[in-house]
Protein backbone atom coordinates (compact mmCIF):
# COMPACT_ATOMS: atom_id res chain seq x y z
CA MET A 1 -252.82 -74.27 54.03
CA THR A 2 -252.49 -70.79 52.70
CA PHE A 3 -249.11 -69.58 50.94
CA ASP A 4 -248.56 -67.13 53.85
CA GLU A 5 -249.20 -70.38 56.44
CA LEU A 6 -246.59 -72.23 54.42
CA GLU A 7 -244.04 -69.42 54.00
CA ARG A 8 -243.91 -69.15 57.76
CA GLU A 9 -243.52 -72.73 58.21
CA LEU A 10 -240.63 -72.93 56.09
CA GLY A 11 -238.80 -69.83 57.05
CA GLY A 12 -236.91 -67.51 55.21
CA LYS A 13 -238.64 -65.84 52.46
CA SER A 14 -240.48 -67.57 49.34
CA GLY A 15 -242.51 -66.61 46.41
CA ALA A 16 -244.31 -68.20 43.54
CA VAL A 17 -246.26 -67.08 40.25
CA PHE A 18 -248.12 -69.81 38.67
CA SER A 19 -250.82 -70.37 35.80
CA ALA A 20 -252.81 -73.30 34.87
CA GLY A 21 -253.82 -71.48 31.55
CA GLY A 22 -255.83 -68.32 33.12
CA GLU A 23 -254.65 -65.31 34.98
CA PRO A 24 -251.35 -65.94 36.77
CA ILE A 25 -251.39 -65.99 40.61
CA GLN A 26 -248.82 -64.55 42.69
CA VAL A 27 -248.27 -65.45 46.32
CA GLY A 28 -245.28 -64.87 48.77
CA SER A 29 -243.22 -62.17 49.71
CA LEU A 30 -240.12 -63.10 47.47
CA HIS A 31 -240.94 -61.49 44.09
CA THR A 32 -237.72 -61.15 42.15
CA GLY A 33 -233.65 -61.83 42.68
CA ALA A 34 -230.88 -63.07 40.47
CA ALA A 35 -231.51 -65.48 37.65
CA TRP A 36 -228.35 -67.59 38.40
CA SER A 37 -228.65 -70.63 36.22
CA THR A 38 -232.25 -70.62 35.25
CA ILE A 39 -231.08 -67.69 32.62
CA LYS A 40 -229.18 -70.67 30.65
CA VAL A 41 -232.36 -71.55 29.46
CA PRO A 42 -232.95 -68.39 26.73
CA LEU A 43 -228.92 -68.68 26.40
CA ALA A 44 -229.38 -72.53 25.21
CA ILE A 45 -232.12 -71.21 22.87
CA ALA A 46 -230.19 -68.12 21.50
CA VAL A 47 -227.13 -70.06 20.69
CA PHE A 48 -227.82 -73.60 20.31
CA GLN A 49 -224.87 -75.86 20.44
CA GLU A 50 -225.89 -79.60 21.36
CA ASP A 51 -222.96 -80.58 23.59
CA LEU A 52 -222.81 -76.93 25.44
CA ALA A 53 -226.46 -76.55 25.72
CA ALA A 54 -226.91 -80.15 27.23
CA ARG A 55 -224.45 -79.63 30.00
CA ALA A 56 -225.70 -76.29 30.33
CA ILE A 57 -229.21 -77.19 31.09
CA THR A 58 -229.15 -80.93 32.24
CA GLU A 59 -226.08 -80.48 34.58
CA SER A 60 -226.20 -76.65 34.97
CA ASP A 61 -222.61 -76.77 34.03
CA ASN A 62 -221.30 -72.99 34.33
CA ASP A 63 -218.14 -73.35 31.81
CA SER A 64 -220.53 -74.61 29.11
CA ALA A 65 -223.00 -71.69 29.54
CA ARG A 66 -219.98 -69.20 29.46
CA ALA A 67 -218.88 -70.78 26.40
CA LEU A 68 -222.44 -70.38 24.74
CA TRP A 69 -221.89 -66.66 25.82
CA ASP A 70 -219.42 -65.98 24.36
CA ARG A 71 -220.40 -67.38 20.98
CA LEU A 72 -223.03 -64.66 20.81
CA GLY A 73 -220.27 -61.68 20.52
CA SER A 74 -219.66 -58.76 22.97
CA PRO A 75 -221.74 -58.55 26.35
CA ALA A 76 -224.10 -56.18 24.71
CA GLU A 77 -224.43 -58.38 21.68
CA ALA A 78 -225.23 -61.30 23.96
CA ALA A 79 -227.35 -59.46 25.93
CA GLU A 80 -229.75 -58.32 23.27
CA ALA A 81 -229.37 -62.01 21.66
CA LEU A 82 -231.15 -63.47 25.38
CA GLU A 83 -233.34 -60.27 25.45
CA ARG A 84 -234.88 -61.34 21.81
CA VAL A 85 -235.41 -64.89 23.03
CA LEU A 86 -237.15 -63.49 26.13
CA ALA A 87 -239.30 -61.07 24.33
CA ALA A 88 -240.39 -63.97 22.01
CA ALA A 89 -241.68 -66.05 24.91
CA GLY A 90 -243.48 -62.85 26.48
CA ASP A 91 -241.03 -61.47 28.83
CA SER A 92 -240.16 -57.82 27.50
CA GLU A 93 -238.99 -56.24 30.67
CA THR A 94 -236.04 -58.36 31.68
CA ARG A 95 -232.92 -56.63 30.81
CA VAL A 96 -229.95 -59.07 30.59
CA GLU A 97 -226.96 -57.98 32.66
CA THR A 98 -223.45 -57.35 31.19
CA GLU A 99 -221.45 -56.52 34.05
CA VAL A 100 -220.10 -58.60 36.73
CA VAL A 101 -222.19 -57.20 39.69
CA PHE A 102 -221.03 -59.93 42.39
CA PRO A 103 -217.70 -61.73 41.21
CA PRO A 104 -216.68 -64.12 40.46
CA TYR A 105 -219.83 -64.87 38.83
CA THR A 106 -221.00 -64.57 35.54
CA SER A 107 -223.04 -61.03 34.71
CA PHE A 108 -225.82 -63.06 32.67
CA GLY A 109 -226.58 -65.13 35.66
CA GLN A 110 -226.93 -61.95 37.94
CA THR A 111 -229.39 -60.62 35.77
CA GLN A 112 -232.75 -59.37 37.97
CA TRP A 113 -235.64 -61.96 36.72
CA SER A 114 -238.82 -61.54 38.48
CA LEU A 115 -240.99 -64.27 38.98
CA ALA A 116 -243.82 -62.89 37.40
CA ALA A 117 -241.69 -62.24 34.38
CA GLN A 118 -240.19 -65.77 34.35
CA GLN A 119 -243.69 -67.69 34.83
CA ARG A 120 -244.71 -65.34 31.42
CA PHE A 121 -241.42 -66.66 29.94
CA ALA A 122 -242.14 -70.40 30.68
CA ALA A 123 -245.75 -69.79 29.69
CA GLY A 124 -244.54 -68.59 26.11
CA LEU A 125 -241.65 -70.60 25.54
CA SER A 126 -243.10 -73.45 23.58
CA ARG A 127 -243.81 -70.75 20.84
CA VAL A 128 -240.45 -69.48 20.41
CA PRO A 129 -238.30 -70.77 17.27
CA GLY A 130 -235.55 -73.30 18.51
CA ALA A 131 -237.15 -73.92 22.32
CA GLU A 132 -238.37 -77.66 21.28
CA LEU A 133 -234.64 -78.85 21.61
CA VAL A 134 -234.11 -77.01 24.94
CA LEU A 135 -237.45 -77.82 26.60
CA GLY A 136 -236.33 -81.55 25.81
CA LEU A 137 -232.91 -80.94 27.47
CA MET A 138 -235.29 -79.33 30.55
CA ARG A 139 -236.95 -82.62 30.63
CA ARG A 140 -233.52 -84.87 31.22
CA VAL A 141 -232.04 -82.63 34.06
CA ILE A 142 -229.73 -84.78 36.11
CA PRO A 143 -231.11 -86.88 39.09
CA GLU A 144 -229.75 -84.58 41.81
CA GLN A 145 -231.32 -81.27 40.57
CA ARG A 146 -234.68 -82.62 39.92
CA TRP A 147 -236.33 -81.11 43.25
CA GLY A 148 -239.39 -78.74 43.09
CA PHE A 149 -241.51 -79.54 40.14
CA ALA A 150 -239.56 -82.43 39.26
CA ALA A 151 -240.76 -84.12 42.25
CA VAL A 152 -244.31 -83.63 41.49
CA ASP A 153 -243.98 -84.39 37.72
CA PRO A 154 -241.17 -86.20 36.34
CA ASP A 155 -241.85 -85.31 33.20
CA ALA A 156 -241.53 -81.55 34.11
CA ALA A 157 -239.33 -79.36 31.81
CA ILE A 158 -237.47 -77.41 34.74
CA LYS A 159 -234.58 -75.41 34.93
CA GLY A 160 -233.34 -74.55 38.68
CA GLY A 161 -230.87 -71.58 39.51
CA TRP A 162 -229.14 -71.06 42.86
CA GLY A 163 -226.40 -68.61 44.22
CA PRO A 164 -225.57 -66.27 46.91
CA ASP A 165 -228.02 -63.57 47.40
CA PRO A 166 -225.56 -60.91 49.44
CA PRO A 167 -225.17 -60.78 52.63
CA GLY A 168 -224.54 -64.38 51.81
CA ARG A 169 -227.97 -66.37 52.08
CA ALA A 170 -228.74 -68.63 49.09
CA LEU A 171 -231.24 -67.96 47.01
CA VAL A 172 -232.69 -71.18 45.18
CA ARG A 173 -235.07 -70.97 42.34
CA GLN A 174 -236.71 -73.07 39.55
CA PHE A 175 -239.08 -72.27 36.61
CA GLY A 176 -241.36 -75.22 34.95
CA ILE A 177 -243.64 -76.69 32.92
CA LEU A 178 -245.56 -79.45 34.44
CA SER A 179 -248.96 -81.40 34.02
CA VAL A 180 -251.07 -81.39 37.07
CA GLU A 181 -254.25 -83.75 36.69
CA GLY A 182 -254.14 -83.28 32.56
CA LEU A 183 -253.70 -79.51 32.97
CA THR A 184 -250.55 -77.59 31.72
CA VAL A 185 -249.17 -75.74 34.39
CA THR A 186 -246.47 -72.85 34.16
CA ALA A 187 -244.61 -71.57 37.36
CA ALA A 188 -241.52 -69.95 38.82
CA ILE A 189 -240.93 -70.01 42.34
CA ALA A 190 -238.15 -68.65 44.65
CA ASN A 191 -236.83 -69.22 48.01
CA GLU A 192 -234.10 -67.91 50.35
CA PRO A 193 -233.98 -70.42 53.10
CA GLU A 194 -233.58 -69.23 56.68
CA ASP A 195 -230.47 -71.23 57.52
CA GLY A 196 -228.78 -69.73 54.34
CA ALA A 197 -228.09 -73.35 52.62
CA TYR A 198 -228.75 -74.41 49.05
CA GLU A 199 -229.79 -77.94 50.21
CA SER A 200 -232.61 -76.29 52.79
CA GLY A 201 -233.74 -74.15 49.45
CA ALA A 202 -234.07 -77.26 47.31
CA ALA A 203 -236.51 -79.09 49.57
CA ASN A 204 -238.16 -75.93 50.49
CA LEU A 205 -239.07 -75.46 46.61
CA THR A 206 -240.25 -78.95 46.50
CA ARG A 207 -242.73 -78.11 49.13
CA ILE A 208 -243.66 -75.19 47.51
CA ALA A 209 -243.87 -77.12 44.11
CA GLU A 210 -246.17 -79.42 46.06
CA TRP A 211 -248.53 -76.51 47.06
CA VAL A 212 -248.58 -75.11 43.74
CA SER A 213 -249.70 -78.51 42.46
CA GLY A 214 -252.51 -78.91 44.78
CA GLU A 215 -253.59 -75.25 44.08
CA SER A 216 -253.91 -75.78 40.23
CA ALA A 217 -255.47 -79.29 40.75
CA ALA A 218 -257.95 -77.63 42.89
CA ALA A 219 -258.77 -74.32 40.67
CA ARG A 220 -259.97 -76.92 38.02
């Protein structure tokens, strides 16, 4: 099945960028969107505090993420700190949002983060100082959030995010580092489900993760 066929079958809009060490492959009609909780990964690296970081990554706890953000100073200072982490991993194009564009959600969660830039970040994450502890947390995400790549590889390091994409349809996204038949695959995936529901988006991301895994294995 091609990705275009899968996207039509799932309904709504979907996208993926993935690499098993070679040039990234981008598929689908969905290329970017609000980062939502996926931005908590560079945030936790920028200002690691064990209890707060653990809740922000493993449970996607928003209050813990806000506390980490506030520890970085003013919104401009916090954004600069996150951008330094992004750039260290290879994403020098993403600019962290400092204004609340869509109340009542956090400004940093509304950062526009393209799938291509997020995949580059995932690919370079292991070389970022301080990332090792956060990668460990990404492998301990709570069971109810272990859709997508965690359904393909139980040891995958993942972080998902979800939120309303005006005029109201949910955007559900995830990036991860997983193993496929001995290959290390880095990927970013996203779905805007046709019915607008988070649950549908999460299930669709598992289908997309399975497709990415199959394509990565076939390309060996």
